[in-house]
Amino acid sequence: MARNAVARHGASIVLACRAFGVSETCYRDCPKLRAENEEIADLLVGLTDARKTWGFALCFL
């Protein structure tokens, strides 16, 4: 959200971070496990296709 505010409205990073309650470190942090996240997302899609009655809690476990 803070990134969108900075890009769309030209707000300063400090102001956007304060407005959304996140630290500047969190704002600037880049995901490092992108490939692992994509693999997990693919597995979750497969799981929800196979078990349509499972809710979030079962998929999370």
PDB file of N, CA and C in Angstrom:
ATOM      1  N   MET A   1       0.810  -1.189   0.000  1.00  0.00           N
ATOM      2  CA  MET A   1       0.000   0.000   0.000  1.00  0.00           C
ATOM      3  C   MET A   1       0.855   1.255   0.000  1.00  0.00           C
ATOM      4  N   ALA A   2       1.885   1.258   0.823  1.00  0.00           N
ATOM      5  CA  ALA A   2       2.738   2.438   0.903  1.00  0.00           C
ATOM      6  C   ALA A   2       3.408   2.694  -0.444  1.00  0.00           C
ATOM      7  N   ARG A   3       3.826   1.631  -1.130  1.00  0.00           N
ATOM      8  CA  ARG A   3       4.466   1.803  -2.436  1.00  0.00           C
ATOM      9  C   ARG A   3       3.506   2.449  -3.430  1.00  0.00           C
ATOM     10  N   ASN A   4       2.233   2.048  -3.407  1.00  0.00           N
ATOM     11  CA  ASN A   4       1.250   2.634  -4.307  1.00  0.00           C
ATOM     12  C   ASN A   4       1.063   4.111  -4.021  1.00  0.00           C
ATOM     13  N   ALA A   5       1.042   4.490  -2.751  1.00  0.00           N
ATOM     14  CA  ALA A   5       0.861   5.893  -2.378  1.00  0.00           C
ATOM     15  C   ALA A   5       2.035   6.728  -2.861  1.00  0.00           C
ATOM     16  N   VAL A   6       3.234   6.193  -2.750  1.00  0.00           N
ATOM     17  CA  VAL A   6       4.423   6.915  -3.195  1.00  0.00           C
ATOM     18  C   VAL A   6       4.378   7.079  -4.711  1.00  0.00           C
ATOM     19  N   ALA A   7       4.058   6.005  -5.427  1.00  0.00           N
ATOM     20  CA  ALA A   7       4.059   6.045  -6.889  1.00  0.00           C
ATOM     21  C   ALA A   7       2.924   6.906  -7.440  1.00  0.00           C
ATOM     22  N   ARG A   8       1.719   6.737  -6.916  1.00  0.00           N
ATOM     23  CA  ARG A   8       0.555   7.441  -7.455  1.00  0.00           C
ATOM     24  C   ARG A   8       0.483   8.901  -7.066  1.00  0.00           C
ATOM     25  N   HIS A   9       0.779   9.193  -5.823  1.00  0.00           N
ATOM     26  CA  HIS A   9       0.551  10.540  -5.318  1.00  0.00           C
ATOM     27  C   HIS A   9       1.820  11.345  -5.116  1.00  0.00           C
ATOM     28  N   GLY A  10       2.954  10.734  -5.376  1.00  0.00           N
ATOM     29  CA  GLY A  10       4.207  11.449  -5.209  1.00  0.00           C
ATOM     30  C   GLY A  10       4.519  11.768  -3.757  1.00  0.00           C
ATOM     31  N   ALA A  11       3.942  11.011  -2.836  1.00  0.00           N
ATOM     32  CA  ALA A  11       4.205  11.220  -1.405  1.00  0.00           C
ATOM     33  C   ALA A  11       5.633  10.798  -1.088  1.00  0.00           C
ATOM     34  N   SER A  12       6.196  11.382  -0.059  1.00  0.00           N
ATOM     35  CA  SER A  12       7.529  10.962   0.350  1.00  0.00           C
ATOM     36  C   SER A  12       7.438   9.572   0.989  1.00  0.00           C
ATOM     37  N   ILE A  13       8.519   8.850   0.940  1.00  0.00           N
ATOM     38  CA  ILE A  13       8.561   7.512   1.523  1.00  0.00           C
ATOM     39  C   ILE A  13       8.299   7.579   3.018  1.00  0.00           C
ATOM     40  N   VAL A  14       8.883   8.566   3.690  1.00  0.00           N
ATOM     41  CA  VAL A  14       8.701   8.721   5.136  1.00  0.00           C
ATOM     42  C   VAL A  14       7.217   8.938   5.460  1.00  0.00           C
ATOM     43  N   LEU A  15       6.572   9.826   4.731  1.00  0.00           N
ATOM     44  CA  LEU A  15       5.160  10.125   4.971  1.00  0.00           C
ATOM     45  C   LEU A  15       4.277   8.906   4.707  1.00  0.00           C
ATOM     46  N   ALA A  16       4.531   8.225   3.599  1.00  0.00           N
ATOM     47  CA  ALA A  16       3.730   7.046   3.257  1.00  0.00           C
ATOM     48  C   ALA A  16       3.910   5.945   4.304  1.00  0.00           C
ATOM     49  N   CYS A  17       5.134   5.737   4.759  1.00  0.00           N
ATOM     50  CA  CYS A  17       5.385   4.709   5.769  1.00  0.00           C
ATOM     51  C   CYS A  17       4.677   5.036   7.080  1.00  0.00           C
ATOM     52  N   ARG A  18       4.713   6.292   7.468  1.00  0.00           N
ATOM     53  CA  ARG A  18       4.007   6.697   8.690  1.00  0.00           C
ATOM     54  C   ARG A  18       2.508   6.517   8.536  1.00  0.00           C
ATOM     55  N   ALA A  19       1.963   6.874   7.385  1.00  0.00           N
ATOM     56  CA  ALA A  19       0.521   6.767   7.148  1.00  0.00           C
ATOM     57  C   ALA A  19       0.043   5.320   7.211  1.00  0.00           C
ATOM     58  N   PHE A  20       0.858   4.403   6.718  1.00  0.00           N
ATOM     59  CA  PHE A  20       0.464   2.991   6.687  1.00  0.00           C
ATOM     60  C   PHE A  20       1.029   2.187   7.845  1.00  0.00           C
ATOM     61  N   GLY A  21       1.808   2.837   8.701  1.00  0.00           N
ATOM     62  CA  GLY A  21       2.319   2.169   9.894  1.00  0.00           C
ATOM     63  C   GLY A  21       3.367   1.109   9.621  1.00  0.00           C
ATOM     64  N   VAL A  22       4.215   1.334   8.620  1.00  0.00           N
ATOM     65  CA  VAL A  22       5.299   0.396   8.344  1.00  0.00           C
ATOM     66  C   VAL A  22       6.635   1.128   8.457  1.00  0.00           C
ATOM     67  N   SER A  23       7.676   0.402   8.748  1.00  0.00           N
ATOM     68  CA  SER A  23       8.998   1.013   8.852  1.00  0.00           C
ATOM     69  C   SER A  23       9.564   1.218   7.444  1.00  0.00           C
ATOM     70  N   GLU A  24      10.504   2.121   7.339  1.00  0.00           N
ATOM     71  CA  GLU A  24      11.158   2.331   6.042  1.00  0.00           C
ATOM     72  C   GLU A  24      11.934   1.088   5.619  1.00  0.00           C
ATOM     73  N   THR A  25      12.467   0.370   6.583  1.00  0.00           N
ATOM     74  CA  THR A  25      13.186  -0.871   6.274  1.00  0.00           C
ATOM     75  C   THR A  25      12.244  -1.872   5.620  1.00  0.00           C
ATOM     76  N   CYS A  26      11.049  -1.988   6.162  1.00  0.00           N
ATOM     77  CA  CYS A  26      10.046  -2.889   5.595  1.00  0.00           C
ATOM     78  C   CYS A  26       9.670  -2.436   4.187  1.00  0.00           C
ATOM     79  N   TYR A  27       9.534  -1.138   3.982  1.00  0.00           N
ATOM     80  CA  TYR A  27       9.176  -0.587   2.675  1.00  0.00           C
ATOM     81  C   TYR A  27      10.239  -0.937   1.640  1.00  0.00           C
ATOM     82  N   ARG A  28      11.502  -0.810   2.029  1.00  0.00           N
ATOM     83  CA  ARG A  28      12.597  -1.001   1.085  1.00  0.00           C
ATOM     84  C   ARG A  28      13.006  -2.462   0.907  1.00  0.00           C
ATOM     85  N   ASP A  29      12.525  -3.334   1.781  1.00  0.00           N
ATOM     86  CA  ASP A  29      12.911  -4.741   1.734  1.00  0.00           C
ATOM     87  C   ASP A  29      12.364  -5.391   0.469  1.00  0.00           C
ATOM     88  N   CYS A  30      13.215  -6.131  -0.226  1.00  0.00           N
ATOM     89  CA  CYS A  30      12.804  -6.844  -1.435  1.00  0.00           C
ATOM     90  C   CYS A  30      12.668  -8.322  -1.106  1.00  0.00           C
ATOM     91  N   PRO A  31      11.650  -8.980  -1.639  1.00  0.00           N
ATOM     92  CA  PRO A  31      11.504 -10.418  -1.372  1.00  0.00           C
ATOM     93  C   PRO A  31      12.710 -11.190  -1.891  1.00  0.00           C
ATOM     94  N   LYS A  32      13.207 -12.112  -1.086  1.00  0.00           N
ATOM     95  CA  LYS A  32      14.389 -12.876  -1.464  1.00  0.00           C
ATOM     96  C   LYS A  32      14.052 -14.312  -1.856  1.00  0.00           C
ATOM     97  N   LEU A  33      12.866 -14.765  -1.548  1.00  0.00           N
ATOM     98  CA  LEU A  33      12.496 -16.156  -1.796  1.00  0.00           C
ATOM     99  C   LEU A  33      11.436 -16.269  -2.890  1.00  0.00           C
ATOM    100  N   ARG A  34      11.554 -15.478  -3.926  1.00  0.00           N
ATOM    101  CA  ARG A  34      10.535 -15.434  -4.966  1.00  0.00           C
ATOM    102  C   ARG A  34      10.275 -16.813  -5.596  1.00  0.00           C
ATOM    103  N   ALA A  35      11.309 -17.543  -5.942  1.00  0.00           N
ATOM    104  CA  ALA A  35      11.141 -18.858  -6.556  1.00  0.00           C
ATOM    105  C   ALA A  35      10.438 -19.806  -5.587  1.00  0.00           C
ATOM    106  N   GLU A  36      10.822 -19.753  -4.315  1.00  0.00           N
ATOM    107  CA  GLU A  36      10.184 -20.607  -3.318  1.00  0.00           C
ATOM    108  C   GLU A  36       8.713 -20.220  -3.147  1.00  0.00           C
ATOM    109  N   ASN A  37       8.405 -18.934  -3.159  1.00  0.00           N
ATOM    110  CA  ASN A  37       7.022 -18.482  -3.030  1.00  0.00           C
ATOM    111  C   ASN A  37       6.175 -18.951  -4.204  1.00  0.00           C
ATOM    112  N   GLU A  38       6.728 -18.916  -5.409  1.00  0.00           N
ATOM    113  CA  GLU A  38       5.989 -19.394  -6.585  1.00  0.00           C
ATOM    114  C   GLU A  38       5.709 -20.885  -6.478  1.00  0.00           C
ATOM    115  N   GLU A  39       6.675 -21.644  -5.976  1.00  0.00           N
ATOM    116  CA  GLU A  39       6.486 -23.091  -5.802  1.00  0.00           C
ATOM    117  C   GLU A  39       5.381 -23.362  -4.779  1.00  0.00           C
ATOM    118  N   ILE A  40       5.396 -22.621  -3.676  1.00  0.00           N
ATOM    119  CA  ILE A  40       4.370 -22.782  -2.644  1.00  0.00           C
ATOM    120  C   ILE A  40       3.001 -22.421  -3.204  1.00  0.00           C
ATOM    121  N   ALA A  41       2.920 -21.338  -3.960  1.00  0.00           N
ATOM    122  CA  ALA A  41       1.646 -20.920  -4.553  1.00  0.00           C
ATOM    123  C   ALA A  41       1.115 -21.998  -5.499  1.00  0.00           C
ATOM    124  N   ASP A  42       1.984 -22.585  -6.315  1.00  0.00           N
ATOM    125  CA  ASP A  42       1.572 -23.660  -7.221  1.00  0.00           C
ATOM    126  C   ASP A  42       1.056 -24.865  -6.446  1.00  0.00           C
ATOM    127  N   LEU A  43       1.745 -25.221  -5.356  1.00  0.00           N
ATOM    128  CA  LEU A  43       1.302 -26.349  -4.537  1.00  0.00           C
ATOM    129  C   LEU A  43      -0.052 -26.074  -3.895  1.00  0.00           C
ATOM    130  N   LEU A  44      -0.261 -24.841  -3.429  1.00  0.00           N
ATOM    131  CA  LEU A  44      -1.545 -24.483  -2.815  1.00  0.00           C
ATOM    132  C   LEU A  44      -2.681 -24.511  -3.833  1.00  0.00           C
ATOM    133  N   VAL A  45      -2.419 -24.068  -5.044  1.00  0.00           N
ATOM    134  CA  VAL A  45      -3.451 -24.123  -6.090  1.00  0.00           C
ATOM    135  C   VAL A  45      -3.806 -25.575  -6.378  1.00  0.00           C
ATOM    136  N   GLY A  46      -2.798 -26.426  -6.485  1.00  0.00           N
ATOM    137  CA  GLY A  46      -3.052 -27.852  -6.702  1.00  0.00           C
ATOM    138  C   GLY A  46      -3.831 -28.468  -5.558  1.00  0.00           C
ATOM    139  N   LEU A  47      -3.497 -28.093  -4.340  1.00  0.00           N
ATOM    140  CA  LEU A  47      -4.182 -28.611  -3.159  1.00  0.00           C
ATOM    141  C   LEU A  47      -5.643 -28.184  -3.145  1.00  0.00           C
ATOM    142  N   THR A  48      -5.897 -26.910  -3.434  1.00  0.00           N
ATOM    143  CA  THR A  48      -7.287 -26.434  -3.411  1.00  0.00           C
ATOM    144  C   THR A  48      -8.094 -26.989  -4.577  1.00  0.00           C
ATOM    145  N   ASP A  49      -7.438 -27.319  -5.692  1.00  0.00           N
ATOM    146  CA  ASP A  49      -8.147 -27.981  -6.797  1.00  0.00           C
ATOM    147  C   ASP A  49      -8.540 -29.398  -6.403  1.00  0.00           C
ATOM    148  N   ALA A  50      -7.653 -30.086  -5.689  1.00  0.00           N
ATOM    149  CA  ALA A  50      -7.905 -31.469  -5.295  1.00  0.00           C
ATOM    150  C   ALA A  50      -8.870 -31.576  -4.119  1.00  0.00           C
ATOM    151  N   ARG A  51      -8.847 -30.627  -3.212  1.00  0.00           N
ATOM    152  CA  ARG A  51      -9.665 -30.654  -1.994  1.00  0.00           C
ATOM    153  C   ARG A  51     -10.522 -29.398  -1.911  1.00  0.00           C
ATOM    154  N   LYS A  52     -11.557 -29.338  -2.691  1.00  0.00           N
ATOM    155  CA  LYS A  52     -12.372 -28.124  -2.798  1.00  0.00           C
ATOM    156  C   LYS A  52     -13.092 -27.756  -1.505  1.00  0.00           C
ATOM    157  N   THR A  53     -13.266 -28.698  -0.591  1.00  0.00           N
ATOM    158  CA  THR A  53     -13.978 -28.399   0.651  1.00  0.00           C
ATOM    159  C   THR A  53     -13.056 -27.950   1.776  1.00  0.00           C
ATOM    160  N   TRP A  54     -11.752 -27.970   1.542  1.00  0.00           N
ATOM    161  CA  TRP A  54     -10.815 -27.554   2.577  1.00  0.00           C
ATOM    162  C   TRP A  54     -10.790 -26.040   2.688  1.00  0.00           C
ATOM    163  N   GLY A  55     -10.779 -25.554   3.892  1.00  0.00           N
ATOM    164  CA  GLY A  55     -10.650 -24.123   4.136  1.00  0.00           C
ATOM    165  C   GLY A  55      -9.193 -23.725   4.295  1.00  0.00           C
ATOM    166  N   PHE A  56      -8.992 -22.477   4.632  1.00  0.00           N
ATOM    167  CA  PHE A  56      -7.640 -21.941   4.755  1.00  0.00           C
ATOM    168  C   PHE A  56      -6.819 -22.705   5.797  1.00  0.00           C
ATOM    169  N   ALA A  57      -7.423 -23.006   6.945  1.00  0.00           N
ATOM    170  CA  ALA A  57      -6.674 -23.630   8.026  1.00  0.00           C
ATOM    171  C   ALA A  57      -6.074 -24.966   7.599  1.00  0.00           C
ATOM    172  N   LEU A  58      -6.835 -25.807   6.903  1.00  0.00           N
ATOM    173  CA  LEU A  58      -6.303 -27.091   6.452  1.00  0.00           C
ATOM    174  C   LEU A  58      -5.221 -26.910   5.406  1.00  0.00           C
ATOM    175  N   CYS A  59      -5.410 -25.980   4.506  1.00  0.00           N
ATOM    176  CA  CYS A  59      -4.388 -25.733   3.477  1.00  0.00           C
ATOM    177  C   CYS A  59      -3.118 -25.190   4.120  1.00  0.00           C
ATOM    178  N   PHE A  60      -3.270 -24.347   5.114  1.00  0.00           N
ATOM    179  CA  PHE A  60      -2.114 -23.756   5.797  1.00  0.00           C
ATOM    180  C   PHE A  60      -1.304 -24.843   6.491  1.00  0.00           C
ATOM    181  N   LEU A  61      -1.990 -25.787   7.109  1.00  0.00           N
ATOM    182  CA  LEU A  61      -1.286 -26.871   7.797  1.00  0.00           C
ATOM    183  C   LEU A  61      -0.551 -27.745   6.807  1.00  0.00           C
TER     184      LEU A  61
END
